[in-house]
Amino acid sequence: MGTSASQFSQSGIRFRIPTNLELKFE
């Protein structure tokens, strides 16, 4: 529940809302 969740979260979030998250992450 560390690699799977991390990968899924990063990939899902990035593809889902690559606007607010990308700005916050970057």
C-alpha atoms as a PDB file:
ATOM      1  CA  MET A   1       0.000   0.000   0.000  1.00  0.00           C
ATOM      2  CA  GLY A   2       2.994   2.262  -0.516  1.00  0.00           C
ATOM      3  CA  THR A   3       4.216   1.874  -4.073  1.00  0.00           C
ATOM      4  CA  SER A   4       0.840   0.995  -5.581  1.00  0.00           C
ATOM      5  CA  ALA A   5      -0.976   3.844  -3.854  1.00  0.00           C
ATOM      6  CA  SER A   6       1.832   6.291  -4.633  1.00  0.00           C
ATOM      7  CA  GLN A   7       1.987   5.328  -8.292  1.00  0.00           C
ATOM      8  CA  PHE A   8      -1.790   5.260  -8.701  1.00  0.00           C
ATOM      9  CA  SER A   9      -2.226   8.546  -6.866  1.00  0.00           C
ATOM     10  CA  GLN A  10       0.465  10.362  -8.855  1.00  0.00           C
ATOM     11  CA  SER A  11      -0.760   8.947 -12.168  1.00  0.00           C
ATOM     12  CA  GLY A  12      -4.476   9.313 -11.428  1.00  0.00           C
ATOM     13  CA  ILE A  13      -4.183  12.770  -9.928  1.00  0.00           C
ATOM     14  CA  ARG A  14      -1.868  13.987 -12.680  1.00  0.00           C
ATOM     15  CA  PHE A  15      -4.223  12.789 -15.392  1.00  0.00           C
ATOM     16  CA  ARG A  16      -7.335  13.816 -13.484  1.00  0.00           C
ATOM     17  CA  ILE A  17      -6.468  17.368 -12.472  1.00  0.00           C
ATOM     18  CA  PRO A  18      -3.098  18.336 -14.041  1.00  0.00           C
ATOM     19  CA  THR A  19      -3.889  21.979 -13.383  1.00  0.00           C
ATOM     20  CA  ASN A  20      -4.309  22.634  -9.669  1.00  0.00           C
ATOM     21  CA  LEU A  21      -2.186  19.681  -8.619  1.00  0.00           C
ATOM     22  CA  GLU A  22       0.552  20.304 -11.159  1.00  0.00           C
ATOM     23  CA  LEU A  23       0.810  23.925 -10.079  1.00  0.00           C
ATOM     24  CA  LYS A  24       0.873  22.908  -6.427  1.00  0.00           C
ATOM     25  CA  PHE A  25       3.328  20.072  -7.019  1.00  0.00           C
ATOM     26  CA  GLU A  26       5.577  22.091  -9.305  1.00  0.00           C
END
